[in-house]
């Protein structure tokens, strides 16, 4: 398939240009009336309601990597990759019930600030450093490459040109407007994203009869074995059911409960209930991608496997070109832009916040808000430039979606360890937290280098030792937990009064504290959400 055959019609081009200009205008104008204070810029003056919080979290998470990568994974392996979406619902319940009460009541601006309250300044600085690296290498860099590659495949636009255009538009409203601009645009883009994905799915389903698929039995007969199964025992990608249930929570707690890029929306909530409801609403939205992002890949296998062949990354482009008419294709492209821009904007804003609050304000507490904002803006520009340079290396990976989760498996375990033990075990010490973060980070770097591989051609851990990346995350979490507990027991016990307000008295207290406040109690809503998840797993096991 040539680029010429994917050339963009003028109608679609107009739709894309109007969309980008519209988002730019909305993002810049949305902050009118907000005071130019640090709280206004970085936390939207803590004014966000639950609907905006949840939809913004969803939009910040779903990037072009998801749209293209999950369709490709559905084509190659099936619904099993949807576990990354449904297990996110579980970890968002943990965010709402376990972590939000501490985050909101302690009035923190960043997640590293919470670690300082729990452990001390060393843990804060180390987490800020790791979070900035995650934003640069995972959230922004890989998203830029995925988006640029998609536009090259769809419309013949040069990769570098796409990276520059997308970076400039997203950077302007993010750097000028702060969190309020990011969240307002993300809420709009969440709607566009869902509608675009639904359109592709509907057109693919409607095309089935023309390819001899008239019943569900016909459809099941046309797919690969286990392609419609969420839980597998012999997954070629290492996504066996036990790897999902052991490994994903390690990645998910880091990403959904402790990563500034996502949790910053919760920190900007109007009330604690808004923060909890927002997390649970995002969890409800995460049920959808299996049906509108992964399932289209399975449909692509049934409809066009003779066209797509072995290049699974062509799944979404082929579905668009073969099924979507002019005009609608422009709207889908706007959805792709929505996914890309929201992810980049979220990471840029969180990076600016981390530098301004956790580094500048930490070093010079008397720094005025005006200087904090300016430093954050300058650093956001620097991060964007570095990410643009790194994004050109995205072609080294065969699957971008798998790449970002593999990189996360090296970064997440020590962070998940110190947060999870920190809120449930009062004996955890500052020495243990810093030791675990530093040692876990260094171990992750070594694992990344030998499994990329930077030297040689064999992935030593994945292929040589036969440990897929999800199980690597689990075993690294176990090692970090042993280290954390051992160092804690060997160092002085922390002040009980200091940690009392930052830890649960027991795991059961998450559910038993206080009276149930009717059907709208977050614990009741969380139970309903988990019930939905259990039913979905039963149907698609």
Protein backbone atom coordinates (compact mmCIF):
# COMPACT_ATOMS: atom_id res chain seq x y z
CA UNK A 1 0.00 0.00 0.00
CA UNK A 2 1.59 3.28 -1.14
CA UNK A 3 1.44 6.61 0.55
CA UNK A 4 -0.30 7.99 -2.51
CA UNK A 5 -3.22 5.65 -1.96
CA UNK A 6 -3.51 7.05 1.55
CA UNK A 7 -3.36 10.70 0.47
CA UNK A 8 -5.64 12.96 2.46
CA UNK A 9 -8.74 14.43 0.74
CA UNK A 10 -9.23 18.18 1.09
CA UNK A 11 -12.39 17.73 3.19
CA UNK A 12 -10.53 15.63 5.76
CA UNK A 13 -7.62 18.08 5.79
CA UNK A 14 -9.98 20.98 6.52
CA UNK A 15 -11.59 19.02 9.39
CA UNK A 16 -8.18 18.30 10.92
CA UNK A 17 -6.99 21.93 10.62
CA UNK A 18 -10.24 23.31 12.07
CA UNK A 19 -10.03 20.81 14.94
CA UNK A 20 -6.44 21.74 15.83
CA UNK A 21 -7.20 25.48 15.72
CA UNK A 22 -10.37 24.95 17.76
CA UNK A 23 -8.58 22.98 20.47
CA UNK A 24 -5.83 25.60 20.57
CA UNK A 25 -8.39 28.39 21.03
CA UNK A 26 -10.38 26.51 23.68
CA UNK A 27 -7.23 25.60 25.59
CA UNK A 28 -5.96 29.19 25.70
CA UNK A 29 -9.37 30.80 26.44
CA UNK A 30 -10.32 28.25 29.13
CA UNK A 31 -7.96 29.82 31.66
CA UNK A 32 -9.40 33.34 31.41
CA UNK A 33 -10.45 34.45 34.86
CA UNK A 34 -8.12 32.08 36.68
CA UNK A 35 -5.64 33.85 38.88
CA UNK A 36 -2.03 33.46 37.78
CA UNK A 37 -1.10 31.69 40.97
CA UNK A 38 0.84 28.46 41.27
CA UNK A 39 -2.31 26.71 42.47
CA UNK A 40 -4.28 28.07 39.51
CA UNK A 41 -1.66 27.09 36.96
CA UNK A 42 -0.65 23.68 38.29
CA UNK A 43 -3.89 22.55 40.02
CA UNK A 44 -6.66 24.59 38.33
CA UNK A 45 -7.31 26.27 41.73
CA UNK A 46 -8.57 22.85 42.93
CA UNK A 47 -11.86 23.48 41.12
CA UNK A 48 -12.35 20.32 39.02
CA UNK A 49 -15.59 18.34 39.34
CA UNK A 50 -15.73 14.55 39.14
CA UNK A 51 -16.96 14.29 35.55
CA UNK A 52 -14.13 16.43 34.27
CA UNK A 53 -11.60 14.61 36.47
CA UNK A 54 -12.64 11.15 35.22
CA UNK A 55 -12.89 12.03 31.54
CA UNK A 56 -9.58 13.91 31.67
CA UNK A 57 -7.84 10.91 33.27
CA UNK A 58 -9.23 8.67 30.55
CA UNK A 59 -8.15 11.04 27.77
CA UNK A 60 -4.69 11.53 29.29
CA UNK A 61 -4.24 7.76 29.28
CA UNK A 62 -5.59 6.86 25.83
CA UNK A 63 -3.00 7.93 23.29
CA UNK A 64 -2.41 7.23 19.62
CA UNK A 65 -0.33 4.32 20.89
CA UNK A 66 -3.53 2.76 22.21
CA UNK A 67 -5.53 3.39 19.05
CA UNK A 68 -2.92 1.89 16.75
CA UNK A 69 -1.22 -0.52 19.13
CA UNK A 70 -4.32 -2.14 20.60
CA UNK A 71 -5.81 -2.65 17.12
CA UNK A 72 -2.54 -4.29 16.05
CA UNK A 73 -2.45 -6.41 19.20
CA UNK A 74 -6.08 -7.46 18.68
CA UNK A 75 -5.18 -8.51 15.15
CA UNK A 76 -2.15 -10.53 16.28
CA UNK A 77 -3.17 -11.95 19.66
CA UNK A 78 -6.80 -11.01 20.30
CA UNK A 79 -8.68 -9.60 23.27
CA UNK A 80 -6.00 -10.71 25.76
CA UNK A 81 -4.36 -7.28 25.39
CA UNK A 82 -7.61 -5.79 26.67
CA UNK A 83 -6.49 -6.85 30.15
CA UNK A 84 -4.42 -3.66 30.24
CA UNK A 85 -7.74 -1.78 30.10
CA UNK A 86 -9.91 -3.85 32.44
CA UNK A 87 -7.19 -4.27 35.06
CA UNK A 88 -6.84 -0.49 34.99
CA UNK A 89 -10.38 -0.37 36.36
CA UNK A 90 -9.19 -2.39 39.36
CA UNK A 91 -6.26 -0.07 40.05
CA UNK A 92 -8.50 3.01 39.66
CA UNK A 93 -10.67 1.56 42.43
CA UNK A 94 -7.50 1.37 44.54
CA UNK A 95 -6.77 5.01 43.69
CA UNK A 96 -10.24 6.12 44.75
CA UNK A 97 -10.48 4.11 47.95
CA UNK A 98 -6.88 3.63 49.17
CA UNK A 99 -4.85 6.64 48.03
CA UNK A 100 -7.20 9.57 47.38
CA UNK A 101 -8.09 10.11 51.07
CA UNK A 102 -4.42 10.69 51.92
CA UNK A 103 -3.64 12.70 48.80
CA UNK A 104 -6.60 15.05 49.21
CA UNK A 105 -6.48 15.55 52.97
CA UNK A 106 -2.75 16.27 53.00
CA UNK A 107 -3.32 19.01 50.34
CA UNK A 108 -0.32 17.98 48.29
CA UNK A 109 0.44 19.44 44.87
CA UNK A 110 2.57 16.54 43.63
CA UNK A 111 3.06 12.86 44.38
CA UNK A 112 6.72 13.38 45.39
CA UNK A 113 5.42 15.86 47.99
CA UNK A 114 3.36 13.03 49.49
CA UNK A 115 6.47 10.86 49.71
CA UNK A 116 8.26 13.65 51.55
CA UNK A 117 5.45 13.81 54.09
CA UNK A 118 5.58 10.04 54.52
CA UNK A 119 9.33 9.41 54.28
CA UNK A 120 11.42 12.57 53.87
CA UNK A 121 13.03 14.84 51.24
CA UNK A 122 15.31 12.16 49.73
CA UNK A 123 12.38 10.05 48.54
CA UNK A 124 10.69 13.17 47.14
CA UNK A 125 13.63 14.17 44.97
CA UNK A 126 14.22 10.64 43.70
CA UNK A 127 10.56 10.15 42.73
CA UNK A 128 10.45 13.55 40.98
CA UNK A 129 13.49 12.53 38.92
CA UNK A 130 11.93 9.18 37.97
CA UNK A 131 8.58 10.81 37.12
CA UNK A 132 10.21 13.33 34.78
CA UNK A 133 12.04 10.50 33.00
CA UNK A 134 8.75 8.62 32.60
CA UNK A 135 7.07 11.70 31.11
CA UNK A 136 9.94 12.28 28.71
CA UNK A 137 10.58 8.73 27.48
CA UNK A 138 7.15 7.09 27.78
CA UNK A 139 4.32 9.60 27.81
CA UNK A 140 5.60 12.20 25.35
CA UNK A 141 8.40 10.66 23.27
CA UNK A 142 6.68 7.43 22.28
CA UNK A 143 3.33 9.16 21.79
CA UNK A 144 4.88 11.67 19.40
CA UNK A 145 6.44 8.91 17.34
CA UNK A 146 3.25 6.84 17.22
CA UNK A 147 1.19 9.84 16.15
CA UNK A 148 3.68 10.88 13.48
CA UNK A 149 3.91 7.32 12.14
CA UNK A 150 0.13 7.14 11.90
CA UNK A 151 -0.12 10.37 9.95
CA UNK A 152 2.58 9.19 7.60
CA UNK A 153 0.67 5.95 6.99
CA UNK A 154 -2.73 7.61 6.62
CA UNK A 155 -1.96 10.83 4.82
CA UNK A 156 1.62 10.73 3.59
CA UNK A 157 2.75 13.50 5.97
CA UNK A 158 6.48 13.39 6.82
CA UNK A 159 7.23 12.08 10.34
CA UNK A 160 9.39 15.04 11.38
CA UNK A 161 6.82 17.54 10.06
CA UNK A 162 4.06 15.80 12.01
CA UNK A 163 6.15 15.80 15.21
CA UNK A 164 6.86 19.54 14.90
CA UNK A 165 3.23 20.54 14.15
CA UNK A 166 1.72 18.40 16.92
CA UNK A 167 4.36 19.53 19.42
CA UNK A 168 3.84 23.23 18.71
CA UNK A 169 0.03 23.18 18.92
CA UNK A 170 -0.07 21.05 22.08
CA UNK A 171 2.79 22.92 23.69
CA UNK A 172 1.20 26.36 23.22
CA UNK A 173 -2.02 25.77 25.12
CA UNK A 174 -0.39 23.50 27.72
CA UNK A 175 2.48 25.84 28.55
CA UNK A 176 0.33 28.99 28.48
CA UNK A 177 -2.77 27.63 30.18
CA UNK A 178 -1.66 25.10 32.79
CA UNK A 179 -3.79 22.30 34.21
CA UNK A 180 -7.18 23.97 33.59
CA UNK A 181 -6.43 24.25 29.85
CA UNK A 182 -5.23 20.64 29.79
CA UNK A 183 -8.29 19.26 31.57
CA UNK A 184 -10.85 21.28 29.58
CA UNK A 185 -9.35 20.16 26.27
CA UNK A 186 -8.99 16.59 27.52
CA UNK A 187 -12.68 16.44 28.44
CA UNK A 188 -13.62 17.48 24.89
CA UNK A 189 -11.09 15.11 23.37
CA UNK A 190 -12.34 12.17 25.43
CA UNK A 191 -15.73 12.50 23.73
CA UNK A 192 -14.19 12.82 20.25
CA UNK A 193 -11.89 9.88 20.91
CA UNK A 194 -14.71 7.57 22.02
CA UNK A 195 -16.95 8.61 19.12
CA UNK A 196 -14.16 8.07 16.59
CA UNK A 197 -13.34 4.61 17.93
CA UNK A 198 -17.05 3.68 17.97
CA UNK A 199 -17.40 4.75 14.32
CA UNK A 200 -14.53 2.47 13.24
CA UNK A 201 -15.98 -0.44 15.24
CA UNK A 202 -19.51 0.02 13.84
CA UNK A 203 -18.33 0.23 10.23
CA UNK A 204 -16.22 -2.91 10.73
CA UNK A 205 -19.19 -4.83 12.18
CA UNK A 206 -21.44 -3.65 9.34
CA UNK A 207 -18.88 -4.95 6.83
CA UNK A 208 -18.99 -8.52 8.20
CA UNK A 209 -21.98 -9.79 6.10
CA UNK A 210 -20.21 -8.80 2.86
CA UNK A 211 -17.40 -11.14 3.92
CA UNK A 212 -19.67 -14.09 4.65
CA UNK A 213 -20.02 -13.47 8.41
CA UNK A 214 -23.73 -13.49 9.31
CA UNK A 215 -23.86 -14.94 12.83
CA UNK A 216 -21.83 -14.99 16.01
CA UNK A 217 -20.97 -18.63 15.24
CA UNK A 218 -19.60 -17.57 11.84
CA UNK A 219 -17.50 -14.90 13.54
CA UNK A 220 -16.08 -17.30 16.12
CA UNK A 221 -15.21 -19.76 13.36
CA UNK A 222 -13.32 -17.06 11.43
CA UNK A 223 -10.99 -15.93 14.24
CA UNK A 224 -7.86 -17.57 15.58
CA UNK A 225 -8.05 -19.94 18.55
CA UNK A 226 -8.32 -17.91 21.80
CA UNK A 227 -8.51 -14.63 19.86
CA UNK A 228 -11.76 -13.79 21.70
CA UNK A 229 -10.49 -14.96 25.10
CA UNK A 230 -9.36 -12.48 27.74
CA UNK A 231 -7.68 -15.11 29.92
CA UNK A 232 -5.14 -17.45 28.34
CA UNK A 233 -2.74 -20.12 29.58
CA UNK A 234 -0.42 -20.33 26.57
CA UNK A 235 -0.14 -16.74 25.39
CA UNK A 236 2.55 -16.18 22.76
CA UNK A 237 3.06 -12.66 24.16
CA UNK A 238 3.60 -13.83 27.74
CA UNK A 239 0.18 -12.54 28.83
CA UNK A 240 -0.96 -15.68 30.62
CA UNK A 241 -3.68 -15.16 33.21
CA UNK A 242 -1.30 -15.38 36.16
CA UNK A 243 1.08 -12.85 34.60
CA UNK A 244 -1.86 -10.47 34.17
CA UNK A 245 -3.09 -10.76 37.75
CA UNK A 246 0.41 -10.66 39.29
CA UNK A 247 2.23 -8.27 36.97
CA UNK A 248 -0.35 -5.72 35.94
CA UNK A 249 -1.13 -4.35 39.44
CA UNK A 250 2.57 -3.45 39.76
CA UNK A 251 2.41 -1.38 36.56
CA UNK A 252 -1.12 -0.16 37.27
CA UNK A 253 -0.53 1.11 40.80
CA UNK A 254 2.50 3.05 39.58
CA UNK A 255 0.66 4.53 36.59
CA UNK A 256 -2.85 5.14 37.94
CA UNK A 257 -2.12 5.76 41.64
CA UNK A 258 1.33 7.38 41.84
CA UNK A 259 2.21 8.92 38.45
CA UNK A 260 1.93 12.72 38.40
CA UNK A 261 0.77 12.73 34.78
CA UNK A 262 -2.47 10.96 35.71
CA UNK A 263 -3.03 11.77 39.39
CA UNK A 264 -2.59 15.53 38.94
CA UNK A 265 -6.25 15.67 37.85
CA UNK A 266 -7.25 14.12 41.17
CA UNK A 267 -5.14 16.63 43.07
CA UNK A 268 -7.01 19.45 41.30
CA UNK A 269 -10.44 18.15 42.38
CA UNK A 270 -12.92 20.45 44.11
CA UNK A 271 -13.69 18.01 46.95
CA UNK A 272 -12.54 14.61 48.17
CA UNK A 273 -15.76 13.08 46.81
CA UNK A 274 -15.07 14.65 43.39
CA UNK A 275 -11.60 13.06 43.48
CA UNK A 276 -12.99 9.63 44.39
CA UNK A 277 -15.92 9.79 41.97
CA UNK A 278 -13.56 10.98 39.23
CA UNK A 279 -11.27 7.97 39.74
CA UNK A 280 -14.24 5.58 39.68
CA UNK A 281 -15.72 7.27 36.58
CA UNK A 282 -12.39 6.82 34.81
CA UNK A 283 -12.51 3.15 35.87
CA UNK A 284 -15.95 2.80 34.27
CA UNK A 285 -14.70 4.38 31.04
CA UNK A 286 -11.80 1.91 30.93
CA UNK A 287 -14.28 -0.93 30.34
CA UNK A 288 -14.92 0.49 26.84
CA UNK A 289 -11.53 0.15 25.06
CA UNK A 290 -11.76 -3.65 24.82
CA UNK A 291 -14.78 -3.19 22.54
CA UNK A 292 -13.78 -0.05 20.63
CA UNK A 293 -9.97 -0.37 20.46
CA UNK A 294 -9.01 -4.06 20.74
CA UNK A 295 -12.07 -5.66 19.07
CA UNK A 296 -11.54 -3.65 15.83
CA UNK A 297 -8.20 -5.46 15.53
CA UNK A 298 -9.98 -8.82 15.70
CA UNK A 299 -12.51 -7.55 13.14
CA UNK A 300 -9.59 -6.43 10.97
CA UNK A 301 -8.22 -9.98 11.06
CA UNK A 302 -11.55 -11.41 9.91
CA UNK A 303 -12.11 -8.80 7.19
CA UNK A 304 -8.67 -7.95 5.81
CA UNK A 305 -6.05 -10.47 6.93
CA UNK A 306 -5.15 -11.07 3.26
CA UNK A 307 -4.39 -7.33 2.93
CA UNK A 308 -2.75 -6.71 6.31
CA UNK A 309 -0.69 -9.90 6.27
CA UNK A 310 2.10 -10.03 8.84
CA UNK A 311 2.28 -6.24 9.43
CA UNK A 312 -0.20 -5.92 12.31
CA UNK A 313 0.52 -2.19 12.70
CA UNK A 314 -1.33 -1.68 9.40
CA UNK A 315 -4.61 -2.87 10.96
CA UNK A 316 -6.08 0.51 11.86
CA UNK A 317 -4.86 2.26 8.66
CA UNK A 318 -6.40 -0.50 6.53
CA UNK A 319 -9.71 -0.32 8.42
CA UNK A 320 -9.80 3.44 7.91
CA UNK A 321 -8.92 3.35 4.23
CA UNK A 322 -11.19 0.42 3.34
CA UNK A 323 -14.23 1.25 5.46
CA UNK A 324 -14.44 4.93 6.42
CA UNK A 325 -15.80 7.48 3.89
CA UNK A 326 -14.31 10.92 3.27
CA UNK A 327 -15.35 13.39 5.95
CA UNK A 328 -15.71 10.73 8.60
CA UNK A 329 -12.07 9.87 8.01
CA UNK A 330 -11.21 13.44 9.00
CA UNK A 331 -13.20 13.05 12.20
CA UNK A 332 -11.32 9.81 12.98
CA UNK A 333 -8.07 11.64 12.35
CA UNK A 334 -9.26 14.30 14.80
CA UNK A 335 -9.80 11.47 17.29
CA UNK A 336 -6.23 10.33 16.74
CA UNK A 337 -5.05 13.86 17.33
CA UNK A 338 -7.23 14.07 20.44
CA UNK A 339 -5.59 10.97 21.88
CA UNK A 340 -2.11 12.17 21.04
CA UNK A 341 -2.47 15.77 22.20
CA UNK A 342 -4.16 14.91 25.49
CA UNK A 343 -1.41 12.47 26.48
CA UNK A 344 1.38 14.91 25.59
CA UNK A 345 -0.38 17.81 27.31
CA UNK A 346 -0.83 15.80 30.50
CA UNK A 347 2.83 14.79 30.61
CA UNK A 348 4.06 18.31 29.83
CA UNK A 349 1.97 19.87 32.57
CA UNK A 350 3.03 17.26 35.13
CA UNK A 351 6.71 17.76 34.24
CA UNK A 352 6.39 21.52 34.71
CA UNK A 353 4.67 20.95 38.06
CA UNK A 354 7.32 18.52 39.29
CA UNK A 355 10.16 20.92 38.50
CA UNK A 356 8.46 24.02 39.89
CA UNK A 357 7.05 22.46 43.05
CA UNK A 358 9.43 19.61 43.91
CA UNK A 359 12.73 21.17 42.84
CA UNK A 360 12.52 24.99 42.65
CA UNK A 361 10.13 25.45 45.58
CA UNK A 362 12.00 22.79 47.56
CA UNK A 363 15.36 24.52 47.10
CA UNK A 364 14.00 28.07 47.55
CA UNK A 365 10.72 28.00 49.53
CA UNK A 366 10.35 31.78 49.19
CA UNK A 367 10.12 31.60 45.37
CA UNK A 368 7.08 33.65 44.26
CA UNK A 369 4.31 32.08 42.19
CA UNK A 370 5.24 34.12 39.11
CA UNK A 371 8.75 32.66 39.06
CA UNK A 372 7.47 29.13 39.73
CA UNK A 373 5.14 29.35 36.74
CA UNK A 374 7.87 30.78 34.49
CA UNK A 375 10.35 28.06 35.45
CA UNK A 376 7.69 25.40 34.84
CA UNK A 377 6.93 26.85 31.40
CA UNK A 378 10.59 26.98 30.40
CA UNK A 379 11.17 23.41 31.56
CA UNK A 380 8.08 22.24 29.65
CA UNK A 381 9.61 23.65 26.47
CA UNK A 382 12.89 21.86 27.22
CA UNK A 383 11.11 18.55 27.89
CA UNK A 384 9.16 18.89 24.65
CA UNK A 385 12.37 19.49 22.67
CA UNK A 386 14.09 16.48 24.28
CA UNK A 387 11.02 14.31 23.68
CA UNK A 388 10.91 15.37 20.03
CA UNK A 389 14.52 14.22 19.66
CA UNK A 390 13.87 10.91 21.48
CA UNK A 391 10.69 10.27 19.50
CA UNK A 392 12.70 9.79 16.31
CA UNK A 393 14.05 6.57 17.86
CA UNK A 394 10.59 5.02 18.08
CA UNK A 395 11.19 3.03 14.92
CA UNK A 396 13.50 0.73 16.85
CA UNK A 397 10.48 -0.96 18.44
CA UNK A 398 8.27 -3.41 16.58
CA UNK A 399 5.27 -2.66 18.83
CA UNK A 400 4.97 0.74 20.45
CA UNK A 401 2.24 -0.35 22.85
CA UNK A 402 4.29 -3.27 24.11
CA UNK A 403 7.36 -1.00 24.25
CA UNK A 404 5.82 1.52 26.65
CA UNK A 405 4.60 -1.24 28.96
CA UNK A 406 7.96 -2.99 28.83
CA UNK A 407 9.75 0.23 29.78
CA UNK A 408 7.20 0.73 32.57
CA UNK A 409 7.93 -2.74 33.92
CA UNK A 410 11.50 -1.58 34.70
CA UNK A 411 10.41 1.73 36.26
CA UNK A 412 7.26 0.84 38.21
CA UNK A 413 8.25 -1.82 40.82
CA UNK A 414 10.25 0.34 43.28
CA UNK A 415 7.67 3.16 43.11
CA UNK A 416 4.75 0.80 43.66
CA UNK A 417 6.66 -0.76 46.56
CA UNK A 418 7.24 2.44 48.52
CA UNK A 419 3.70 3.74 48.01
CA UNK A 420 1.89 0.48 48.75
CA UNK A 421 3.95 -0.42 51.83
CA UNK A 422 3.94 3.24 52.83
CA UNK A 423 0.16 3.53 53.27
CA UNK A 424 -0.35 0.08 54.80
CA UNK A 425 2.73 -0.38 57.04
CA UNK A 426 3.56 2.24 59.65
CA UNK A 427 6.99 0.66 60.27
CA UNK A 428 8.30 1.62 56.82
CA UNK A 429 11.18 4.08 57.19
CA UNK A 430 12.68 6.91 55.16
CA UNK A 431 15.94 4.99 54.76
CA UNK A 432 14.03 2.02 53.35
CA UNK A 433 12.12 4.20 50.88
CA UNK A 434 15.20 5.96 49.50
CA UNK A 435 17.21 2.72 49.34
CA UNK A 436 14.38 0.94 47.51
CA UNK A 437 13.85 3.75 45.00
CA UNK A 438 17.56 4.07 44.17
CA UNK A 439 18.33 0.34 44.07
CA UNK A 440 15.14 -0.46 42.18
CA UNK A 441 15.82 2.27 39.63
CA UNK A 442 19.39 1.06 39.03
CA UNK A 443 18.19 -2.55 38.72
CA UNK A 444 15.56 -1.40 36.23
CA UNK A 445 18.16 0.46 34.14
CA UNK A 446 20.39 -2.63 33.99
CA UNK A 447 17.44 -4.86 33.07
CA UNK A 448 16.39 -2.41 30.35
CA UNK A 449 19.87 -2.29 28.82
CA UNK A 450 20.37 -6.06 28.65
CA UNK A 451 16.83 -6.78 27.49
CA UNK A 452 16.46 -4.05 24.83
CA UNK A 453 19.13 -5.29 23.94
CA UNK A 454 21.71 -2.50 23.73
CA UNK A 455 24.54 -5.05 23.53
CA UNK A 456 24.22 -8.12 21.32
CA UNK A 457 20.99 -9.30 19.75
CA UNK A 458 19.34 -11.53 22.36
CA UNK A 459 16.85 -10.34 24.98
CA UNK A 460 18.57 -12.05 27.88
CA UNK A 461 15.73 -11.88 30.41
CA UNK A 462 12.70 -12.27 28.13
CA UNK A 463 14.06 -14.92 25.78
CA UNK A 464 17.19 -16.26 27.48
CA UNK A 465 15.61 -16.76 30.92
CA UNK A 466 12.05 -17.05 29.62
CA UNK A 467 10.61 -14.33 31.89
CA UNK A 468 8.11 -12.07 30.04
CA UNK A 469 7.97 -8.40 30.99
CA UNK A 470 4.83 -8.73 33.13
CA UNK A 471 6.46 -11.38 35.31
CA UNK A 472 9.65 -9.32 35.40
CA UNK A 473 7.59 -6.53 37.00
CA UNK A 474 6.19 -8.96 39.58
CA UNK A 475 9.54 -10.47 40.57
CA UNK A 476 11.19 -7.05 40.73
CA UNK A 477 8.39 -5.88 43.02
CA UNK A 478 9.05 -8.90 45.26
CA UNK A 479 12.77 -8.05 45.42
CA UNK A 480 12.02 -4.39 46.18
CA UNK A 481 9.54 -5.42 48.90
CA UNK A 482 12.12 -7.67 50.58
CA UNK A 483 14.63 -4.82 50.47
CA UNK A 484 12.11 -2.32 51.82
CA UNK A 485 11.08 -4.52 54.75
CA UNK A 486 14.66 -5.51 55.60
CA UNK A 487 15.97 -1.94 55.64
CA UNK A 488 12.92 -0.76 57.60
CA UNK A 489 13.53 -3.34 60.32
CA UNK A 490 17.21 -2.39 60.49
CA UNK A 491 16.57 1.36 60.84
CA UNK A 492 14.82 3.45 63.55
CA UNK A 493 11.04 3.28 63.72
CA UNK A 494 9.38 6.45 62.32
CA UNK A 495 7.48 8.83 64.59
CA UNK A 496 4.01 7.24 65.07
CA UNK A 497 2.29 10.63 65.22
CA UNK A 498 3.88 11.71 61.94
CA UNK A 499 2.79 8.66 59.96
CA UNK A 500 -0.64 8.17 61.58
CA UNK A 501 -2.37 10.60 59.20
CA UNK A 502 -0.68 9.04 56.16
CA UNK A 503 -1.32 5.33 56.73
CA UNK A 504 -4.31 3.02 57.16
CA UNK A 505 -4.51 1.34 60.56
CA UNK A 506 -5.11 -1.94 58.69
CA UNK A 507 -5.99 -3.02 55.10
CA UNK A 508 -9.57 -3.71 56.21
CA UNK A 509 -9.94 -0.09 57.35
CA UNK A 510 -10.16 0.94 53.67
CA UNK A 511 -13.68 -0.53 53.66
CA UNK A 512 -14.70 -0.31 57.33
CA UNK A 513 -13.79 3.28 58.23
CA UNK A 514 -16.84 5.47 58.85
CA UNK A 515 -20.49 4.79 58.11
CA UNK A 516 -21.73 3.95 54.62
CA UNK A 517 -23.29 7.16 53.28
CA UNK A 518 -26.02 5.65 51.08
CA UNK A 519 -25.78 4.36 47.53
CA UNK A 520 -23.48 7.21 46.56
CA UNK A 521 -20.76 6.12 48.98
CA UNK A 522 -17.53 5.52 47.00
CA UNK A 523 -17.21 2.05 48.57
CA UNK A 524 -20.64 1.04 47.25
CA UNK A 525 -19.90 2.46 43.79
CA UNK A 526 -16.52 0.71 43.76
CA UNK A 527 -18.24 -2.58 44.61
CA UNK A 528 -20.63 -2.11 41.72
CA UNK A 529 -17.77 -1.33 39.36
CA UNK A 530 -15.84 -4.44 40.42
CA UNK A 531 -19.01 -6.50 39.95
CA UNK A 532 -19.29 -5.24 36.37
CA UNK A 533 -15.64 -6.17 35.85
CA UNK A 534 -16.17 -9.69 37.24
CA UNK A 535 -19.19 -10.24 34.99
CA UNK A 536 -17.22 -9.09 31.92
CA UNK A 537 -14.39 -11.46 32.75
CA UNK A 538 -16.88 -14.31 33.20
CA UNK A 539 -18.37 -13.63 29.77
CA UNK A 540 -15.07 -13.26 27.92
CA UNK A 541 -12.83 -15.62 29.90
